[in-house]
Amino acid sequence: MPENLKKIIEHAWEDRSALDQDEIRVAIRRVIELLDKGELRVAEP
């Protein structure tokens, strides 16, 4: 995951009230899009 998306998602996870911010919503949609395309995977080594 691009580092900027990771930071935005982690911030939203810690502060759920931030979910109303457009930047957070765009980042969430982008991550979902990348997951759907198979460009990101959900796993930890």
N, C-alpha and C. Protein backbone atom coordinates (compact mmCIF):
# COMPACT_ATOMS: atom_id res chain seq x y z
N MET A 1 0.86 -1.16 0.00
CA MET A 1 0.00 0.00 0.00
C MET A 1 0.91 1.22 0.00
N PRO A 2 0.59 2.16 -0.84
CA PRO A 2 1.38 3.39 -0.81
C PRO A 2 1.38 3.98 0.61
N GLU A 3 2.51 4.49 1.01
CA GLU A 3 2.70 4.95 2.40
C GLU A 3 1.68 6.01 2.81
N ASN A 4 1.34 6.93 1.90
CA ASN A 4 0.38 7.98 2.27
C ASN A 4 -1.00 7.39 2.55
N LEU A 5 -1.42 6.40 1.78
CA LEU A 5 -2.71 5.75 2.04
C LEU A 5 -2.67 5.02 3.37
N LYS A 6 -1.57 4.38 3.65
CA LYS A 6 -1.43 3.65 4.91
C LYS A 6 -1.58 4.59 6.10
N LYS A 7 -0.93 5.73 6.04
CA LYS A 7 -1.00 6.70 7.14
C LYS A 7 -2.42 7.22 7.32
N ILE A 8 -3.09 7.51 6.21
CA ILE A 8 -4.47 8.02 6.28
C ILE A 8 -5.40 6.98 6.89
N ILE A 9 -5.28 5.74 6.45
CA ILE A 9 -6.13 4.66 6.97
C ILE A 9 -5.86 4.42 8.45
N GLU A 10 -4.60 4.41 8.83
CA GLU A 10 -4.25 4.21 10.24
C GLU A 10 -4.79 5.34 11.11
N HIS A 11 -4.72 6.57 10.61
CA HIS A 11 -5.28 7.71 11.34
C HIS A 11 -6.79 7.54 11.52
N ALA A 12 -7.47 7.14 10.48
CA ALA A 12 -8.92 6.94 10.55
C ALA A 12 -9.27 5.82 11.52
N TRP A 13 -8.44 4.79 11.57
CA TRP A 13 -8.68 3.67 12.49
C TRP A 13 -8.58 4.14 13.94
N GLU A 14 -7.61 5.01 14.21
CA GLU A 14 -7.40 5.51 15.57
C GLU A 14 -8.42 6.58 15.96
N ASP A 15 -8.89 7.36 15.00
CA ASP A 15 -9.83 8.45 15.27
C ASP A 15 -11.03 8.30 14.36
N ARG A 16 -12.01 7.53 14.79
CA ARG A 16 -13.17 7.23 13.96
C ARG A 16 -13.97 8.47 13.57
N SER A 17 -13.86 9.54 14.34
CA SER A 17 -14.59 10.76 13.98
C SER A 17 -14.03 11.37 12.70
N ALA A 18 -12.83 10.98 12.30
CA ALA A 18 -12.21 11.49 11.08
C ALA A 18 -12.84 10.90 9.82
N LEU A 19 -13.69 9.90 9.97
CA LEU A 19 -14.31 9.26 8.81
C LEU A 19 -15.18 10.21 8.00
N ASP A 20 -15.53 11.34 8.57
CA ASP A 20 -16.33 12.33 7.85
C ASP A 20 -15.50 13.17 6.89
N GLN A 21 -14.19 13.09 7.00
CA GLN A 21 -13.32 13.90 6.15
C GLN A 21 -13.24 13.31 4.74
N ASP A 22 -13.31 14.18 3.75
CA ASP A 22 -13.27 13.73 2.36
C ASP A 22 -11.98 12.98 2.04
N GLU A 23 -10.85 13.46 2.56
CA GLU A 23 -9.56 12.81 2.29
C GLU A 23 -9.57 11.35 2.75
N ILE A 24 -10.18 11.10 3.89
CA ILE A 24 -10.25 9.74 4.43
C ILE A 24 -11.15 8.87 3.55
N ARG A 25 -12.28 9.40 3.16
CA ARG A 25 -13.21 8.63 2.32
C ARG A 25 -12.58 8.27 0.98
N VAL A 26 -11.86 9.22 0.39
CA VAL A 26 -11.18 8.97 -0.88
C VAL A 26 -10.12 7.88 -0.69
N ALA A 27 -9.37 7.94 0.39
CA ALA A 27 -8.33 6.94 0.65
C ALA A 27 -8.95 5.56 0.83
N ILE A 28 -10.05 5.48 1.55
CA ILE A 28 -10.72 4.19 1.76
C ILE A 28 -11.20 3.62 0.44
N ARG A 29 -11.81 4.45 -0.38
CA ARG A 29 -12.27 3.98 -1.70
C ARG A 29 -11.11 3.51 -2.56
N ARG A 30 -9.99 4.23 -2.50
CA ARG A 30 -8.80 3.86 -3.29
C ARG A 30 -8.25 2.51 -2.83
N VAL A 31 -8.18 2.30 -1.54
CA VAL A 31 -7.69 1.02 -1.02
C VAL A 31 -8.61 -0.11 -1.44
N ILE A 32 -9.91 0.09 -1.35
CA ILE A 32 -10.86 -0.94 -1.78
C ILE A 32 -10.68 -1.23 -3.27
N GLU A 33 -10.50 -0.20 -4.06
CA GLU A 33 -10.27 -0.37 -5.50
C GLU A 33 -9.01 -1.20 -5.75
N LEU A 34 -7.93 -0.89 -5.05
CA LEU A 34 -6.68 -1.64 -5.22
C LEU A 34 -6.83 -3.09 -4.77
N LEU A 35 -7.59 -3.32 -3.72
CA LEU A 35 -7.86 -4.69 -3.27
C LEU A 35 -8.66 -5.45 -4.33
N ASP A 36 -9.69 -4.81 -4.87
CA ASP A 36 -10.52 -5.44 -5.90
C ASP A 36 -9.72 -5.81 -7.14
N LYS A 37 -8.75 -4.98 -7.49
CA LYS A 37 -7.92 -5.24 -8.67
C LYS A 37 -6.82 -6.27 -8.39
N GLY A 38 -6.65 -6.63 -7.13
CA GLY A 38 -5.59 -7.56 -6.77
C GLY A 38 -4.22 -6.91 -6.65
N GLU A 39 -4.20 -5.58 -6.64
CA GLU A 39 -2.93 -4.87 -6.52
C GLU A 39 -2.48 -4.76 -5.07
N LEU A 40 -3.40 -4.96 -4.13
CA LEU A 40 -3.09 -5.02 -2.70
C LEU A 40 -3.63 -6.34 -2.18
N ARG A 41 -2.99 -6.84 -1.14
CA ARG A 41 -3.47 -8.05 -0.48
C ARG A 41 -3.58 -7.78 1.00
N VAL A 42 -4.48 -8.48 1.65
CA VAL A 42 -4.65 -8.34 3.09
C VAL A 42 -3.95 -9.52 3.74
N ALA A 43 -2.74 -9.26 4.21
CA ALA A 43 -1.96 -10.31 4.89
C ALA A 43 -0.76 -9.67 5.56
N GLU A 44 -0.30 -10.30 6.59
CA GLU A 44 0.92 -9.88 7.25
C GLU A 44 1.86 -11.07 7.29
N PRO A 45 3.15 -10.83 7.08
CA PRO A 45 4.10 -11.95 7.10
C PRO A 45 4.29 -12.52 8.49
